[in-house]
Amino acid sequence: MRYTPYISKNATADIMNTKLYYDAKGDGLGVKFGSGLEGIIDRICTHPKAFSIRYKDIRAAKIQSFPYLVFYRINLAEQAIQILRVFNTHQKPFWK
């Protein structure tokens, strides 16, 4: 069964900032990042339990070819995925 993704405001801001950063770097990196993000969200929605739990009920999936993790929560009752943040693993954590 496929789950429906819902992207939080924080995750949307993370995505926009990252795309802007990679667009400025050139060579189509923003598009490549967007494709990688879409791919991992698709995998999360089809196999939500395939990725490891990082904190309580929050899981994380790595975007291929980029140092980013997608943090998400599974809502079984609504068959939904809540995308909470898209985090650069080379930066200081936002929760500290």
C-alpha atoms as a PDB file:
ATOM      1  CA  MET A   1       0.000   0.000   0.000  1.00  0.00           C
ATOM      2  CA  ARG A   2       1.178   3.513  -0.778  1.00  0.00           C
ATOM      3  CA  TYR A   3       1.161   6.241   1.849  1.00  0.00           C
ATOM      4  CA  THR A   4       0.393   9.891   1.107  1.00  0.00           C
ATOM      5  CA  PRO A   5       3.207  12.376   1.852  1.00  0.00           C
ATOM      6  CA  TYR A   6       2.560  15.624   3.723  1.00  0.00           C
ATOM      7  CA  ILE A   7       5.457  18.082   3.852  1.00  0.00           C
ATOM      8  CA  SER A   8       5.702  20.387   6.875  1.00  0.00           C
ATOM      9  CA  LYS A   9       6.422  24.113   6.629  1.00  0.00           C
ATOM     10  CA  ASN A  10       9.886  23.530   8.110  1.00  0.00           C
ATOM     11  CA  ALA A  11      10.677  20.834   5.559  1.00  0.00           C
ATOM     12  CA  THR A  12       9.388  23.041   2.738  1.00  0.00           C
ATOM     13  CA  ALA A  13      11.723  25.826   3.870  1.00  0.00           C
ATOM     14  CA  ASP A  14      14.617  23.337   4.113  1.00  0.00           C
ATOM     15  CA  ILE A  15      13.925  22.131   0.569  1.00  0.00           C
ATOM     16  CA  MET A  16      13.629  25.630  -0.893  1.00  0.00           C
ATOM     17  CA  ASN A  17      16.858  26.802   0.754  1.00  0.00           C
ATOM     18  CA  THR A  18      18.726  23.716  -0.402  1.00  0.00           C
ATOM     19  CA  LYS A  19      17.484  24.015  -3.980  1.00  0.00           C
ATOM     20  CA  LEU A  20      18.508  27.690  -4.056  1.00  0.00           C
ATOM     21  CA  TYR A  21      21.951  26.766  -2.732  1.00  0.00           C
ATOM     22  CA  TYR A  22      22.480  24.033  -5.325  1.00  0.00           C
ATOM     23  CA  ASP A  23      21.050  26.164  -8.147  1.00  0.00           C
ATOM     24  CA  ALA A  24      23.663  28.803  -7.307  1.00  0.00           C
ATOM     25  CA  LYS A  25      26.406  26.148  -7.455  1.00  0.00           C
ATOM     26  CA  GLY A  26      25.386  25.449 -11.071  1.00  0.00           C
ATOM     27  CA  ASP A  27      25.713  22.355 -13.255  1.00  0.00           C
ATOM     28  CA  GLY A  28      22.066  21.380 -12.707  1.00  0.00           C
ATOM     29  CA  LEU A  29      22.666  20.456  -9.074  1.00  0.00           C
ATOM     30  CA  GLY A  30      19.342  21.933  -7.945  1.00  0.00           C
ATOM     31  CA  VAL A  31      17.482  19.717 -10.410  1.00  0.00           C
ATOM     32  CA  LYS A  32      19.546  16.688  -9.384  1.00  0.00           C
ATOM     33  CA  PHE A  33      18.798  17.394  -5.702  1.00  0.00           C
ATOM     34  CA  GLY A  34      15.077  17.711  -6.499  1.00  0.00           C
ATOM     35  CA  SER A  35      15.109  14.394  -8.358  1.00  0.00           C
ATOM     36  CA  GLY A  36      16.912  12.683  -5.488  1.00  0.00           C
ATOM     37  CA  LEU A  37      14.430  14.119  -3.002  1.00  0.00           C
ATOM     38  CA  GLU A  38      11.446  12.976  -5.089  1.00  0.00           C
ATOM     39  CA  GLY A  39      12.987   9.519  -5.378  1.00  0.00           C
ATOM     40  CA  ILE A  40      13.504   9.075  -1.650  1.00  0.00           C
ATOM     41  CA  ILE A  41      10.037  10.414  -0.822  1.00  0.00           C
ATOM     42  CA  ASP A  42       8.604   7.889  -3.278  1.00  0.00           C
ATOM     43  CA  ARG A  43      10.548   5.093  -1.562  1.00  0.00           C
ATOM     44  CA  ILE A  44       9.403   6.299   1.860  1.00  0.00           C
ATOM     45  CA  CYS A  45       5.763   6.313   0.702  1.00  0.00           C
ATOM     46  CA  THR A  46       5.955   2.785  -0.685  1.00  0.00           C
ATOM     47  CA  HIS A  47       8.160   1.273   2.067  1.00  0.00           C
ATOM     48  CA  PRO A  48       7.819   3.560   5.101  1.00  0.00           C
ATOM     49  CA  LYS A  49       9.247   1.093   7.629  1.00  0.00           C
ATOM     50  CA  ALA A  50      12.350   0.344   5.550  1.00  0.00           C
ATOM     51  CA  PHE A  51      14.333   3.188   7.119  1.00  0.00           C
ATOM     52  CA  SER A  52      15.785   3.347  10.614  1.00  0.00           C
ATOM     53  CA  ILE A  53      14.208   5.026  13.607  1.00  0.00           C
ATOM     54  CA  ARG A  54      16.391   7.905  14.807  1.00  0.00           C
ATOM     55  CA  TYR A  55      14.363   9.266  17.722  1.00  0.00           C
ATOM     56  CA  LYS A  56      11.163   7.864  19.239  1.00  0.00           C
ATOM     57  CA  ASP A  57       8.887   7.425  16.169  1.00  0.00           C
ATOM     58  CA  ILE A  58      10.909   9.604  13.789  1.00  0.00           C
ATOM     59  CA  ARG A  59      12.715   7.863  10.951  1.00  0.00           C
ATOM     60  CA  ALA A  60      15.388   9.118   8.565  1.00  0.00           C
ATOM     61  CA  ALA A  61      16.181   8.307   4.936  1.00  0.00           C
ATOM     62  CA  LYS A  62      19.274   9.508   3.062  1.00  0.00           C
ATOM     63  CA  ILE A  63      18.983  11.309  -0.263  1.00  0.00           C
ATOM     64  CA  GLN A  64      21.244   9.545  -2.747  1.00  0.00           C
ATOM     65  CA  SER A  65      24.378  11.505  -3.796  1.00  0.00           C
ATOM     66  CA  PHE A  66      23.703  14.336  -1.316  1.00  0.00           C
ATOM     67  CA  PRO A  67      24.545  14.700   2.410  1.00  0.00           C
ATOM     68  CA  TYR A  68      20.880  15.131   3.383  1.00  0.00           C
ATOM     69  CA  LEU A  69      18.463  13.138   5.493  1.00  0.00           C
ATOM     70  CA  VAL A  70      14.686  13.266   5.232  1.00  0.00           C
ATOM     71  CA  PHE A  71      13.158  13.002   8.706  1.00  0.00           C
ATOM     72  CA  TYR A  72       9.618  11.677   8.746  1.00  0.00           C
ATOM     73  CA  ARG A  73       6.891  10.107  10.850  1.00  0.00           C
ATOM     74  CA  ILE A  74       4.450   7.395   9.796  1.00  0.00           C
ATOM     75  CA  ASN A  75       0.746   7.908  10.496  1.00  0.00           C
ATOM     76  CA  LEU A  76      -0.709   4.404  10.158  1.00  0.00           C
ATOM     77  CA  ALA A  77      -4.311   5.429  10.844  1.00  0.00           C
ATOM     78  CA  GLU A  78      -4.363   7.900   7.948  1.00  0.00           C
ATOM     79  CA  GLN A  79      -1.862   6.020   5.764  1.00  0.00           C
ATOM     80  CA  ALA A  80       0.216   9.190   5.622  1.00  0.00           C
ATOM     81  CA  ILE A  81       3.848  10.197   5.849  1.00  0.00           C
ATOM     82  CA  GLN A  82       4.674  13.444   7.632  1.00  0.00           C
ATOM     83  CA  ILE A  83       7.919  14.867   6.232  1.00  0.00           C
ATOM     84  CA  LEU A  84       9.269  16.858   9.184  1.00  0.00           C
ATOM     85  CA  ARG A  85      12.673  18.182   8.045  1.00  0.00           C
ATOM     86  CA  VAL A  86      15.274  17.805   5.314  1.00  0.00           C
ATOM     87  CA  PHE A  87      18.577  18.093   7.138  1.00  0.00           C
ATOM     88  CA  ASN A  88      22.144  18.610   5.895  1.00  0.00           C
ATOM     89  CA  THR A  89      24.273  16.126   7.813  1.00  0.00           C
ATOM     90  CA  HIS A  90      27.352  18.391   7.531  1.00  0.00           C
ATOM     91  CA  GLN A  91      25.740  21.232   9.494  1.00  0.00           C
ATOM     92  CA  LYS A  92      25.172  21.713  13.190  1.00  0.00           C
ATOM     93  CA  PRO A  93      21.914  19.969  14.142  1.00  0.00           C
ATOM     94  CA  PHE A  94      18.890  22.278  14.277  1.00  0.00           C
ATOM     95  CA  TRP A  95      17.685  20.724  17.538  1.00  0.00           C
ATOM     96  CA  LYS A  96      20.711  21.861  19.602  1.00  0.00           C
END
